[in-house]
C-alpha atoms as a PDB file:
ATOM      1  CA  MET A   1     103.467  96.562 119.367  1.00  0.00           C
ATOM      2  CA  SER A   2     101.042  99.444 119.178  1.00  0.00           C
ATOM      3  CA  THR A   3      97.952  99.427 117.026  1.00  0.00           C
ATOM      4  CA  SER A   4      99.201 102.562 115.262  1.00  0.00           C
ATOM      5  CA  THR A   5     102.396 100.722 114.232  1.00  0.00           C
ATOM      6  CA  GLU A   6     100.363  97.779 112.942  1.00  0.00           C
ATOM      7  CA  ASP A   7      97.978 100.103 111.091  1.00  0.00           C
ATOM      8  CA  ARG A   8     100.957 101.901 109.508  1.00  0.00           C
ATOM      9  CA  ARG A   9     102.431  98.579 108.411  1.00  0.00           C
ATOM     10  CA  VAL A  10      99.136  97.506 106.837  1.00  0.00           C
ATOM     11  CA  ARG A  11      99.099 100.762 104.853  1.00  0.00           C
ATOM     12  CA  ILE A  12     102.714 100.179 103.785  1.00  0.00           C
ATOM     13  CA  VAL A  13     102.005  96.645 102.530  1.00  0.00           C
ATOM     14  CA  LEU A  14      98.845  97.736 100.688  1.00  0.00           C
ATOM     15  CA  ASN A  15     100.763 100.595  99.093  1.00  0.00           C
ATOM     16  CA  ALA A  16     103.576  98.199  98.155  1.00  0.00           C
ATOM     17  CA  PHE A  17     101.153  95.781  96.478  1.00  0.00           C
ATOM     18  CA  ASP A  18      99.447  98.622  94.589  1.00  0.00           C
ATOM     19  CA  THR A  19     102.803 100.043  93.487  1.00  0.00           C
ATOM     20  CA  LEU A  20     104.104  96.715  92.175  1.00  0.00           C
ATOM     21  CA  PHE A  21     101.065  94.845  90.891  1.00  0.00           C
ATOM     22  CA  ASN A  22      98.788  97.661  89.709  1.00  0.00           C
ATOM     23  CA  LYS A  23     101.085 100.567  88.875  1.00  0.00           C
ATOM     24  CA  ARG A  24     104.058  98.439  87.798  1.00  0.00           C
ATOM     25  CA  ASP A  25     106.436 101.042  89.200  1.00  0.00           C
ATOM     26  CA  TYR A  26     109.453  98.820  89.844  1.00  0.00           C
ATOM     27  CA  ALA A  27     111.771 101.626  90.974  1.00  0.00           C
ATOM     28  CA  ALA A  28     109.266 102.758  93.601  1.00  0.00           C
ATOM     29  CA  ALA A  29     108.556  99.141  94.580  1.00  0.00           C
ATOM     30  CA  GLU A  30     112.238  98.605  95.432  1.00  0.00           C
ATOM     31  CA  ARG A  31     111.756 100.979  98.384  1.00  0.00           C
ATOM     32  CA  PHE A  32     109.145  98.617  99.868  1.00  0.00           C
ATOM     33  CA  TRP A  33     110.849  95.209  99.414  1.00  0.00           C
ATOM     34  CA  SER A  34     114.069  94.348 101.204  1.00  0.00           C
ATOM     35  CA  PRO A  35     117.079  93.498  99.006  1.00  0.00           C
ATOM     36  CA  ARG A  36     117.291  90.388 101.246  1.00  0.00           C
ATOM     37  CA  TYR A  37     113.588  89.556 100.740  1.00  0.00           C
ATOM     38  CA  ILE A  38     112.777  85.895 101.467  1.00  0.00           C
ATOM     39  CA  GLN A  39     110.177  84.289  99.203  1.00  0.00           C
ATOM     40  CA  HIS A  40     108.337  81.138 100.331  1.00  0.00           C
ATOM     41  CA  SER A  41     105.816  80.980  97.467  1.00  0.00           C
ATOM     42  CA  ALA A  42     106.083  77.894  95.273  1.00  0.00           C
ATOM     43  CA  HIS A  43     105.111  80.063  92.286  1.00  0.00           C
ATOM     44  CA  ILE A  44     107.814  82.732  92.575  1.00  0.00           C
ATOM     45  CA  ALA A  45     111.592  82.573  92.158  1.00  0.00           C
ATOM     46  CA  PRO A  46     113.721  83.622  95.167  1.00  0.00           C
ATOM     47  CA  GLY A  47     114.150  87.155  96.371  1.00  0.00           C
ATOM     48  CA  ARG A  48     112.822  90.537  95.363  1.00  0.00           C
ATOM     49  CA  GLU A  49     114.184  90.014  91.855  1.00  0.00           C
ATOM     50  CA  GLY A  50     112.175  86.805  91.460  1.00  0.00           C
ATOM     51  CA  LEU A  51     108.981  88.599  92.408  1.00  0.00           C
ATOM     52  CA  PHE A  52     109.642  91.574  90.144  1.00  0.00           C
ATOM     53  CA  GLU A  53     110.534  89.328  87.194  1.00  0.00           C
ATOM     54  CA  LEU A  54     107.312  87.365  87.686  1.00  0.00           C
ATOM     55  CA  VAL A  55     105.255  90.562  87.568  1.00  0.00           C
ATOM     56  CA  LYS A  56     107.159  91.858  84.526  1.00  0.00           C
ATOM     57  CA  GLY A  57     106.221  88.633  82.694  1.00  0.00           C
ATOM     58  CA  LEU A  58     102.489  88.956  83.427  1.00  0.00           C
ATOM     59  CA  PRO A  59     100.026  90.838  81.200  1.00  0.00           C
ATOM     60  CA  ALA A  60      99.572  94.582  81.744  1.00  0.00           C
ATOM     61  CA  THR A  61      95.967  93.771  82.676  1.00  0.00           C
ATOM     62  CA  LEU A  62      97.078  92.228  86.007  1.00  0.00           C
ATOM     63  CA  ARG A  63      95.260  93.794  88.964  1.00  0.00           C
ATOM     64  CA  TYR A  64      95.370  93.313  92.719  1.00  0.00           C
ATOM     65  CA  GLU A  65      92.306  94.095  94.842  1.00  0.00           C
ATOM     66  CA  ASN A  66      92.366  93.865  98.606  1.00  0.00           C
ATOM     67  CA  HIS A  67      89.365  92.720 100.637  1.00  0.00           C
ATOM     68  CA  LEU A  68      90.807  92.377 104.124  1.00  0.00           C
ATOM     69  CA  ALA A  69      94.050  93.226 105.906  1.00  0.00           C
ATOM     70  CA  ALA A  70      95.113  92.433 109.459  1.00  0.00           C
ATOM     71  CA  ALA A  71      98.312  92.849 111.429  1.00  0.00           C
ATOM     72  CA  THR A  72      99.816  91.244 114.458  1.00  0.00           C
ATOM     73  CA  GLY A  73     103.288  92.368 115.424  1.00  0.00           C
ATOM     74  CA  ASP A  74     105.615  92.073 112.426  1.00  0.00           C
ATOM     75  CA  PHE A  75     103.118  90.070 110.345  1.00  0.00           C
ATOM     76  CA  ILE A  76     100.545  91.445 107.906  1.00  0.00           C
ATOM     77  CA  ILE A  77      97.901  89.161 106.416  1.00  0.00           C
ATOM     78  CA  LEU A  78      96.049  90.181 103.263  1.00  0.00           C
ATOM     79  CA  HIS A  79      93.016  88.552 101.650  1.00  0.00           C
ATOM     80  CA  GLY A  80      92.945  89.687  98.053  1.00  0.00           C
ATOM     81  CA  ARG A  81      92.249  88.893  94.438  1.00  0.00           C
ATOM     82  CA  PHE A  82      94.655  88.835  91.494  1.00  0.00           C
ATOM     83  CA  SER A  83      92.871  89.108  88.160  1.00  0.00           C
ATOM     84  CA  GLY A  84      93.891  89.832  84.586  1.00  0.00           C
ATOM     85  CA  HIS A  85      96.851  87.435  84.747  1.00  0.00           C
ATOM     86  CA  GLY A  86      95.826  85.554  81.627  1.00  0.00           C
ATOM     87  CA  LEU A  87      94.459  82.423  83.313  1.00  0.00           C
ATOM     88  CA  PRO A  88      90.801  81.327  83.180  1.00  0.00           C
ATOM     89  CA  ALA A  89      90.025  82.189  86.825  1.00  0.00           C
ATOM     90  CA  ALA A  90      91.170  85.000  89.084  1.00  0.00           C
ATOM     91  CA  TRP A  91      93.213  83.961  92.104  1.00  0.00           C
ATOM     92  CA  VAL A  92      91.944  84.561  95.603  1.00  0.00           C
ATOM     93  CA  VAL A  93      95.043  84.772  97.767  1.00  0.00           C
ATOM     94  CA  ALA A  94      95.977  84.927 101.411  1.00  0.00           C
ATOM     95  CA  ASP A  95      99.331  86.707 101.539  1.00  0.00           C
ATOM     96  CA  ILE A  96     101.360  86.723 104.733  1.00  0.00           C
ATOM     97  CA  VAL A  97     104.157  89.271 104.926  1.00  0.00           C
ATOM     98  CA  ARG A  98     106.756  89.638 107.646  1.00  0.00           C
ATOM     99  CA  MET A  99     108.050  93.154 108.090  1.00  0.00           C
ATOM    100  CA  GLU A 100     111.439  94.345 109.310  1.00  0.00           C
ATOM    101  CA  GLY A 101     110.735  97.889 110.376  1.00  0.00           C
ATOM    102  CA  ASP A 102     108.813  99.367 107.455  1.00  0.00           C
ATOM    103  CA  ILE A 103     110.217  96.984 104.807  1.00  0.00           C
ATOM    104  CA  LEU A 104     108.662  93.784 103.433  1.00  0.00           C
ATOM    105  CA  ALA A 105     111.164  91.104 104.440  1.00  0.00           C
ATOM    106  CA  GLU A 106     109.475  87.722 103.963  1.00  0.00           C
ATOM    107  CA  HIS A 107     106.384  86.307 102.218  1.00  0.00           C
ATOM    108  CA  TRP A 108     104.132  83.240 102.206  1.00  0.00           C
ATOM    109  CA  ASP A 109     100.911  82.727 100.266  1.00  0.00           C
ATOM    110  CA  VAL A 110      97.966  80.420  99.769  1.00  0.00           C
ATOM    111  CA  ILE A 111      96.418  80.663  96.292  1.00  0.00           C
ATOM    112  CA  GLN A 112      93.106  79.313  95.046  1.00  0.00           C
ATOM    113  CA  ASP A 113      91.220  79.795  91.783  1.00  0.00           C
ATOM    114  CA  GLU A 114      88.130  81.906  92.386  1.00  0.00           C
ATOM    115  CA  ALA A 115      84.982  79.781  92.253  1.00  0.00           C
ATOM    116  CA  THR A 116      81.941  80.746  90.253  1.00  0.00           C
ATOM    117  CA  ARG A 117      78.436  80.515  91.719  1.00  0.00           C
ATOM    118  CA  ALA A 118      78.005  77.110  90.039  1.00  0.00           C
ATOM    119  CA  GLN A 119      81.263  75.830  91.563  1.00  0.00           C
ATOM    120  CA  SER A 120      80.600  77.095  95.089  1.00  0.00           C
ATOM    121  CA  LYS A 121      79.173  74.389  97.351  1.00  0.00           C
ATOM    122  CA  SER A 122      78.631  76.969 100.098  1.00  0.00           C
ATOM    123  CA  GLY A 123      76.700  79.266  97.783  1.00  0.00           C
ATOM    124  CA  LEU A 124      78.889  82.140  98.965  1.00  0.00           C
ATOM    125  CA  PRO A 125      81.538  84.069  97.026  1.00  0.00           C
ATOM    126  CA  MET A 126      85.209  83.653  97.944  1.00  0.00           C
ATOM    127  CA  PHE A 127      85.963  87.368  97.568  1.00  0.00           C
ATOM    128  CA  GLY A 128      83.735  90.241  98.572  1.00  0.00           C
ATOM    129  CA  ASP A 129      79.978  89.911  98.351  1.00  0.00           C
ATOM    130  CA  ARG A 130      79.556  88.915  94.685  1.00  0.00           C
ATOM    131  CA  PHE A 131      80.593  86.079  92.431  1.00  0.00           C
ATOM    132  CA  PRO A 132      82.822  86.851  89.441  1.00  0.00           C
ATOM    133  CA  ASP A 133      81.031  87.772  86.225  1.00  0.00           C
END
């Protein structure tokens, strides 16, 4: 697969995440997620509807920030932060998305509460170059 195809897919997934999690534009988000979307996350009900319902139930303050994105073939891997979800710590998340053409078809994630400076044994932040305030 060409680098330009992988770059395009990264842009699609980042746009999809922004559309759903930050803009909360569910009609536009439907164009990004397959109606047959497969969800592997333990925190989200099956399918595109499960994901959209989860987001609808979260506070309007929810935000997604991306730090890193990489693609290999049909797979896009994002390293990002979800904040404003109403829990004490933001989540630092590795999202893995499988694409079918230009549509998000399948998803896995690994989620961890973001550590503060005092909690970090490495002394390094989990997201970006600064610890959370």
